[in-house]
Structure formats: structure tokens, C-alpha cells
Amino acid sequence: AAQEQYIAQLQEEVKMKLQSLIPALREEIGQVCEYMNTYCTTLQAWDLGVLVVPPELFSMEVFEQHNQLFEQLRQAKAQLDPIVALVNEREHLLELQKELESIMKDPSRYTDRRNSNKILNRQRALEREVKRIPLVDKQLIPLIGDYELHNGEIVVNGEPYLRMLKEEEEAYKPRSTISSIHSRTSIRR
């Protein structure tokens, strides 16, 4: 009888612990889900039903389901992190490009006796940074393509990022090599 009472007491303690552990785990799961939903559509295909189990039904099984979901989310986030880092780097470089464009539009950068050196140095530094945009794009496009094959679309500001990158890449491409070959051959005639 004492042993049964002890087991019942332990089960009650476990139930009480689950009342705090599962909500804490749900909080962490929610943060990862929010992060994932900011950058991709991966979670749209996932079954997140375990997150709506009411507290009176909490059990070790429900706790295990939460743990499994959290582990899957951690793995998915780990796959997404390198892409997010490059997307953030690219967005930062685009901001620098805007700053560079505003400096380039200002003719006083040559004539301002006090600040021209500082402005021109900043311009040179920005030009070096902005040159990295195509390199970041070259890393990002295959990374996103591979991720999307297995996980879902990468979305930034509600727009499919890979499509936007490819459209920008097309806009910045030099004229096609075919037309430049034709122009060279026509000159030789």
C-alpha cells in the first residue's frame, strides 16, 4: 500500500512538472516556428497539432511528441541558418549600395574642402563592399535551390527570394554573348 501511494505521489509530481515543462517547450517551439515562418514556407506542410493539446491532457507521451517536434524544428532551422545569414549579408550590402548611390549623386564630394577626403574614402570603402553582392548571390542561389528541393520555398518580405534573385541577376547581366559575337564578326567583314 505504501509503495502504491509512493507511485501515485511520483505520478502526480510528474504531472505537475509537465504542467510547466510543456508550456516552456511550446514557447521555444513557437520562437523557432516564428523564425522559420519569417524566411520559408517549410512549416506549412508540418503537422503541428500537438501544440493545441489542452493542459488537462498533458502526459509523458505528449511531452515526447513536443520533444520530437522541437528536435525536427532545430534540424530544419540548422539547415535554414546559413541561408538566412547570406540573405542578411546581402540585404546589408544592398543598404550599403544605396548609401554609395547617394554619395555618388552628390557632386560636393569633390569640392567640399573639409569633408571631401572623408567622403571619398567612404565611397571607396563602400565600392569594395558592394562588389561582394554578386559573390553572395553565387553562394545563395544554389543554397536556396537545394533547400527548396527538400523543404519548401524561401520567402523574404512575402516574396519568393530565389525568383527575386534570378530576376535581379538577369537585370544586371551584360548583353548576351551571342549579340557581342555578332557585333564583333560584323566589324571584321
C-alpha atoms as a PDB file:
ATOM      1  CA  ALA A   1       0.000   0.000   0.000  1.00  0.00           C
ATOM      2  CA  ALA A   2       2.836   2.386   0.839  1.00  0.00           C
ATOM      3  CA  GLN A   3       4.502   1.580  -2.461  1.00  0.00           C
ATOM      4  CA  GLU A   4       1.303   2.294  -4.407  1.00  0.00           C
ATOM      5  CA  GLN A   5       0.929   5.579  -2.570  1.00  0.00           C
ATOM      6  CA  TYR A   6       4.561   6.453  -3.397  1.00  0.00           C
ATOM      7  CA  ILE A   7       3.984   5.628  -7.099  1.00  0.00           C
ATOM      8  CA  ALA A   8       0.811   7.731  -7.115  1.00  0.00           C
ATOM      9  CA  GLN A   9       2.745  10.602  -5.498  1.00  0.00           C
ATOM     10  CA  LEU A  10       5.501  10.320  -8.149  1.00  0.00           C
ATOM     11  CA  GLN A  11       2.937  10.273 -10.950  1.00  0.00           C
ATOM     12  CA  GLU A  12       1.343  13.409  -9.506  1.00  0.00           C
ATOM     13  CA  GLU A  13       4.779  15.105  -9.314  1.00  0.00           C
ATOM     14  CA  VAL A  14       5.463  14.165 -12.947  1.00  0.00           C
ATOM     15  CA  LYS A  15       2.073  15.590 -13.942  1.00  0.00           C
ATOM     16  CA  MET A  16       2.857  18.822 -12.079  1.00  0.00           C
ATOM     17  CA  LYS A  17       6.277  19.077 -13.761  1.00  0.00           C
ATOM     18  CA  LEU A  18       4.693  18.513 -17.169  1.00  0.00           C
ATOM     19  CA  GLN A  19       2.360  21.453 -16.483  1.00  0.00           C
ATOM     20  CA  SER A  20       5.425  23.728 -16.553  1.00  0.00           C
ATOM     21  CA  LEU A  21       7.732  21.802 -18.921  1.00  0.00           C
ATOM     22  CA  ILE A  22       5.327  21.506 -21.859  1.00  0.00           C
ATOM     23  CA  PRO A  23       4.394  25.238 -21.902  1.00  0.00           C
ATOM     24  CA  ALA A  24       8.109  26.135 -21.709  1.00  0.00           C
ATOM     25  CA  LEU A  25       8.826  23.790 -24.607  1.00  0.00           C
ATOM     26  CA  ARG A  26       5.892  25.259 -26.534  1.00  0.00           C
ATOM     27  CA  GLU A  27       7.392  28.725 -26.017  1.00  0.00           C
ATOM     28  CA  GLU A  28      10.698  27.601 -27.547  1.00  0.00           C
ATOM     29  CA  ILE A  29       8.883  25.805 -30.370  1.00  0.00           C
ATOM     30  CA  GLY A  30       6.879  28.986 -31.016  1.00  0.00           C
ATOM     31  CA  GLN A  31      10.042  31.071 -31.301  1.00  0.00           C
ATOM     32  CA  VAL A  32      11.615  28.644 -33.777  1.00  0.00           C
ATOM     33  CA  CYS A  33       8.353  28.472 -35.755  1.00  0.00           C
ATOM     34  CA  GLU A  34       8.199  32.276 -35.905  1.00  0.00           C
ATOM     35  CA  TYR A  35      11.799  32.397 -37.154  1.00  0.00           C
ATOM     36  CA  MET A  36      11.123  29.678 -39.744  1.00  0.00           C
ATOM     37  CA  ASN A  37       7.901  31.320 -40.955  1.00  0.00           C
ATOM     38  CA  THR A  38       9.770  34.595 -41.445  1.00  0.00           C
ATOM     39  CA  TYR A  39      12.055  33.024 -44.040  1.00  0.00           C
ATOM     40  CA  CYS A  40      10.355  29.965 -45.521  1.00  0.00           C
ATOM     41  CA  THR A  41       7.173  28.020 -46.183  1.00  0.00           C
ATOM     42  CA  THR A  42       8.566  24.768 -44.748  1.00  0.00           C
ATOM     43  CA  LEU A  43       6.210  24.563 -41.771  1.00  0.00           C
ATOM     44  CA  GLN A  44       3.066  24.818 -43.879  1.00  0.00           C
ATOM     45  CA  ALA A  45       3.358  21.090 -44.604  1.00  0.00           C
ATOM     46  CA  TRP A  46       4.090  20.087 -41.000  1.00  0.00           C
ATOM     47  CA  ASP A  47       1.577  18.668 -38.527  1.00  0.00           C
ATOM     48  CA  LEU A  48       1.704  20.982 -35.511  1.00  0.00           C
ATOM     49  CA  GLY A  49      -1.428  19.524 -33.871  1.00  0.00           C
ATOM     50  CA  VAL A  50       0.467  18.549 -30.711  1.00  0.00           C
ATOM     51  CA  LEU A  51       0.737  22.254 -29.876  1.00  0.00           C
ATOM     52  CA  VAL A  52      -3.006  22.520 -29.250  1.00  0.00           C
ATOM     53  CA  VAL A  53      -3.302  19.643 -26.766  1.00  0.00           C
ATOM     54  CA  PRO A  54      -5.012  21.154 -23.668  1.00  0.00           C
ATOM     55  CA  PRO A  55      -3.141  21.126 -20.317  1.00  0.00           C
ATOM     56  CA  GLU A  56      -5.514  18.599 -18.748  1.00  0.00           C
ATOM     57  CA  LEU A  57      -4.334  16.025 -21.340  1.00  0.00           C
ATOM     58  CA  PHE A  58      -0.610  16.574 -20.733  1.00  0.00           C
ATOM     59  CA  SER A  59       1.261  13.289 -20.371  1.00  0.00           C
ATOM     60  CA  MET A  60       4.723  11.879 -20.938  1.00  0.00           C
ATOM     61  CA  GLU A  61       3.600  10.898 -24.434  1.00  0.00           C
ATOM     62  CA  VAL A  62       2.553  14.494 -25.216  1.00  0.00           C
ATOM     63  CA  PHE A  63       5.858  15.709 -23.753  1.00  0.00           C
ATOM     64  CA  GLU A  64       7.740  13.265 -26.012  1.00  0.00           C
ATOM     65  CA  GLN A  65       5.789  14.487 -29.054  1.00  0.00           C
ATOM     66  CA  HIS A  66       6.765  18.060 -28.168  1.00  0.00           C
ATOM     67  CA  ASN A  67      10.399  16.990 -27.816  1.00  0.00           C
ATOM     68  CA  GLN A  68      10.335  15.248 -31.209  1.00  0.00           C
ATOM     69  CA  LEU A  69       8.772  18.292 -32.855  1.00  0.00           C
ATOM     70  CA  PHE A  70      11.336  20.571 -31.212  1.00  0.00           C
ATOM     71  CA  GLU A  71      14.190  18.370 -32.453  1.00  0.00           C
ATOM     72  CA  GLN A  72      12.783  18.381 -36.003  1.00  0.00           C
ATOM     73  CA  LEU A  73      12.463  22.161 -35.828  1.00  0.00           C
ATOM     74  CA  ARG A  74      16.046  22.511 -34.594  1.00  0.00           C
ATOM     75  CA  GLN A  75      17.288  20.434 -37.534  1.00  0.00           C
ATOM     76  CA  ALA A  76      15.198  22.409 -40.033  1.00  0.00           C
ATOM     77  CA  LYS A  77      16.433  25.684 -38.525  1.00  0.00           C
ATOM     78  CA  ALA A  78      20.036  24.457 -38.760  1.00  0.00           C
ATOM     79  CA  GLN A  79      19.517  23.897 -42.496  1.00  0.00           C
ATOM     80  CA  LEU A  80      17.970  27.347 -42.852  1.00  0.00           C
ATOM     81  CA  ASP A  81      20.550  29.301 -40.806  1.00  0.00           C
ATOM     82  CA  PRO A  82      23.314  29.531 -43.478  1.00  0.00           C
ATOM     83  CA  ILE A  83      20.760  30.819 -45.987  1.00  0.00           C
ATOM     84  CA  VAL A  84      19.426  33.404 -43.540  1.00  0.00           C
ATOM     85  CA  ALA A  85      22.979  34.556 -42.790  1.00  0.00           C
ATOM     86  CA  LEU A  86      23.662  35.093 -46.505  1.00  0.00           C
ATOM     87  CA  VAL A  87      20.279  36.764 -47.058  1.00  0.00           C
ATOM     88  CA  ASN A  88      21.029  39.154 -44.182  1.00  0.00           C
ATOM     89  CA  GLU A  89      24.518  39.824 -45.544  1.00  0.00           C
ATOM     90  CA  ARG A  90      23.063  40.523 -48.980  1.00  0.00           C
ATOM     91  CA  GLU A  91      20.414  42.853 -47.572  1.00  0.00           C
ATOM     92  CA  HIS A  92      23.150  44.707 -45.654  1.00  0.00           C
ATOM     93  CA  LEU A  93      25.204  45.040 -48.847  1.00  0.00           C
ATOM     94  CA  LEU A  94      22.142  46.402 -50.671  1.00  0.00           C
ATOM     95  CA  GLU A  95      21.777  49.046 -47.955  1.00  0.00           C
ATOM     96  CA  LEU A  96      25.439  49.961 -48.466  1.00  0.00           C
ATOM     97  CA  GLN A  97      24.778  50.145 -52.203  1.00  0.00           C
ATOM     98  CA  LYS A  98      22.004  52.684 -51.559  1.00  0.00           C
ATOM     99  CA  GLU A  99      24.385  54.730 -49.419  1.00  0.00           C
ATOM    100  CA  LEU A 100      27.002  54.554 -52.181  1.00  0.00           C
ATOM    101  CA  GLU A 101      24.463  55.708 -54.769  1.00  0.00           C
ATOM    102  CA  SER A 102      23.530  58.713 -52.634  1.00  0.00           C
ATOM    103  CA  ILE A 103      27.223  59.622 -52.226  1.00  0.00           C
ATOM    104  CA  MET A 104      27.767  59.252 -55.983  1.00  0.00           C
ATOM    105  CA  LYS A 105      24.875  61.636 -56.682  1.00  0.00           C
ATOM    106  CA  ASP A 106      26.431  64.334 -54.507  1.00  0.00           C
ATOM    107  CA  PRO A 107      28.902  66.401 -56.562  1.00  0.00           C
ATOM    108  CA  SER A 108      30.131  68.220 -53.439  1.00  0.00           C
ATOM    109  CA  ARG A 109      32.185  65.133 -52.547  1.00  0.00           C
ATOM    110  CA  TYR A 110      34.890  66.598 -54.814  1.00  0.00           C
ATOM    111  CA  THR A 111      34.584  70.254 -53.865  1.00  0.00           C
ATOM    112  CA  ASP A 112      33.891  70.195 -50.107  1.00  0.00           C
ATOM    113  CA  ARG A 113      37.284  71.164 -48.698  1.00  0.00           C
ATOM    114  CA  ARG A 114      36.524  69.975 -45.197  1.00  0.00           C
ATOM    115  CA  ASN A 115      34.934  66.591 -45.850  1.00  0.00           C
ATOM    116  CA  SER A 116      35.870  65.571 -49.392  1.00  0.00           C
ATOM    117  CA  ASN A 117      38.642  63.212 -48.255  1.00  0.00           C
ATOM    118  CA  LYS A 118      36.364  61.547 -45.723  1.00  0.00           C
ATOM    119  CA  ILE A 119      33.527  61.247 -48.263  1.00  0.00           C
ATOM    120  CA  LEU A 120      35.790  59.860 -50.997  1.00  0.00           C
ATOM    121  CA  ASN A 121      37.328  57.339 -48.580  1.00  0.00           C
ATOM    122  CA  ARG A 122      33.840  56.229 -47.571  1.00  0.00           C
ATOM    123  CA  GLN A 123      32.927  55.946 -51.256  1.00  0.00           C
ATOM    124  CA  ARG A 124      35.935  53.699 -51.931  1.00  0.00           C
ATOM    125  CA  ALA A 125      35.155  51.528 -48.903  1.00  0.00           C
ATOM    126  CA  LEU A 126      31.524  51.169 -49.994  1.00  0.00           C
ATOM    127  CA  GLU A 127      32.574  50.291 -53.540  1.00  0.00           C
ATOM    128  CA  ARG A 128      34.745  47.457 -52.170  1.00  0.00           C
ATOM    129  CA  GLU A 129      31.846  46.127 -50.072  1.00  0.00           C
ATOM    130  CA  VAL A 130      29.210  46.422 -52.818  1.00  0.00           C
ATOM    131  CA  LYS A 131      31.407  44.398 -55.197  1.00  0.00           C
ATOM    132  CA  ARG A 132      30.641  41.377 -52.978  1.00  0.00           C
ATOM    133  CA  ILE A 133      26.934  41.301 -53.932  1.00  0.00           C
ATOM    134  CA  PRO A 134      27.448  39.018 -56.983  1.00  0.00           C
ATOM    135  CA  LEU A 135      29.638  36.700 -54.889  1.00  0.00           C
ATOM    136  CA  VAL A 136      26.956  36.420 -52.210  1.00  0.00           C
ATOM    137  CA  ASP A 137      24.364  35.799 -54.938  1.00  0.00           C
ATOM    138  CA  LYS A 138      26.508  32.998 -56.400  1.00  0.00           C
ATOM    139  CA  GLN A 139      26.591  31.329 -52.976  1.00  0.00           C
ATOM    140  CA  LEU A 140      22.939  31.979 -52.231  1.00  0.00           C
ATOM    141  CA  ILE A 141      21.269  30.750 -55.442  1.00  0.00           C
ATOM    142  CA  PRO A 142      22.440  27.095 -55.270  1.00  0.00           C
ATOM    143  CA  LEU A 143      21.970  27.024 -51.483  1.00  0.00           C
ATOM    144  CA  ILE A 144      18.372  28.192 -51.793  1.00  0.00           C
ATOM    145  CA  GLY A 145      17.730  25.904 -54.762  1.00  0.00           C
ATOM    146  CA  ASP A 146      18.914  22.871 -52.801  1.00  0.00           C
ATOM    147  CA  TYR A 147      16.944  23.882 -49.708  1.00  0.00           C
ATOM    148  CA  GLU A 148      13.756  24.402 -51.706  1.00  0.00           C
ATOM    149  CA  LEU A 149      14.067  20.961 -53.327  1.00  0.00           C
ATOM    150  CA  HIS A 150      13.638  19.311 -49.935  1.00  0.00           C
ATOM    151  CA  ASN A 151      11.965  21.787 -47.594  1.00  0.00           C
ATOM    152  CA  GLY A 152       9.820  24.466 -49.188  1.00  0.00           C
ATOM    153  CA  GLU A 153      10.178  27.949 -50.556  1.00  0.00           C
ATOM    154  CA  ILE A 154      12.454  30.640 -49.090  1.00  0.00           C
ATOM    155  CA  VAL A 155      10.370  33.786 -48.693  1.00  0.00           C
ATOM    156  CA  VAL A 156      11.590  37.217 -47.622  1.00  0.00           C
ATOM    157  CA  ASN A 157       9.117  40.062 -47.171  1.00  0.00           C
ATOM    158  CA  GLY A 158       6.401  37.821 -48.602  1.00  0.00           C
ATOM    159  CA  GLU A 159       8.252  37.350 -51.894  1.00  0.00           C
ATOM    160  CA  PRO A 160       9.937  34.161 -53.163  1.00  0.00           C
ATOM    161  CA  TYR A 161      13.610  35.053 -52.707  1.00  0.00           C
ATOM    162  CA  LEU A 162      15.082  32.766 -55.369  1.00  0.00           C
ATOM    163  CA  ARG A 163      12.845  34.211 -58.093  1.00  0.00           C
ATOM    164  CA  MET A 164      13.698  37.750 -56.983  1.00  0.00           C
ATOM    165  CA  LEU A 165      17.422  36.925 -57.035  1.00  0.00           C
ATOM    166  CA  LYS A 166      17.217  35.456 -60.521  1.00  0.00           C
ATOM    167  CA  GLU A 167      15.252  38.456 -61.807  1.00  0.00           C
ATOM    168  CA  GLU A 168      17.865  40.822 -60.372  1.00  0.00           C
ATOM    169  CA  GLU A 169      20.643  38.700 -61.829  1.00  0.00           C
ATOM    170  CA  GLU A 170      19.021  38.893 -65.278  1.00  0.00           C
ATOM    171  CA  ALA A 171      18.672  42.665 -64.962  1.00  0.00           C
ATOM    172  CA  TYR A 172      22.379  43.096 -64.162  1.00  0.00           C
ATOM    173  CA  LYS A 173      23.731  40.634 -66.737  1.00  0.00           C
ATOM    174  CA  PRO A 174      25.765  42.187 -69.528  1.00  0.00           C
ATOM    175  CA  ARG A 175      24.378  41.873 -73.016  1.00  0.00           C
ATOM    176  CA  SER A 176      24.230  38.321 -74.198  1.00  0.00           C
ATOM    177  CA  THR A 177      27.444  36.875 -75.534  1.00  0.00           C
ATOM    178  CA  ILE A 178      25.691  35.952 -78.799  1.00  0.00           C
ATOM    179  CA  SER A 179      24.957  39.575 -79.632  1.00  0.00           C
ATOM    180  CA  SER A 180      28.515  40.581 -78.735  1.00  0.00           C
ATOM    181  CA  ILE A 181      29.875  37.815 -81.002  1.00  0.00           C
ATOM    182  CA  HIS A 182      27.666  39.046 -83.857  1.00  0.00           C
ATOM    183  CA  SER A 183      28.809  42.614 -83.335  1.00  0.00           C
ATOM    184  CA  ARG A 184      32.464  41.509 -83.396  1.00  0.00           C
ATOM    185  CA  THR A 185      32.043  39.405 -86.532  1.00  0.00           C
ATOM    186  CA  SER A 186      30.185  42.127 -88.362  1.00  0.00           C
ATOM    187  CA  ILE A 187      33.048  44.551 -87.775  1.00  0.00           C
ATOM    188  CA  ARG A 188      35.571  42.192 -89.373  1.00  0.00           C
ATOM    189  CA  ARG A 189      33.672  41.978 -92.657  1.00  0.00           C
END
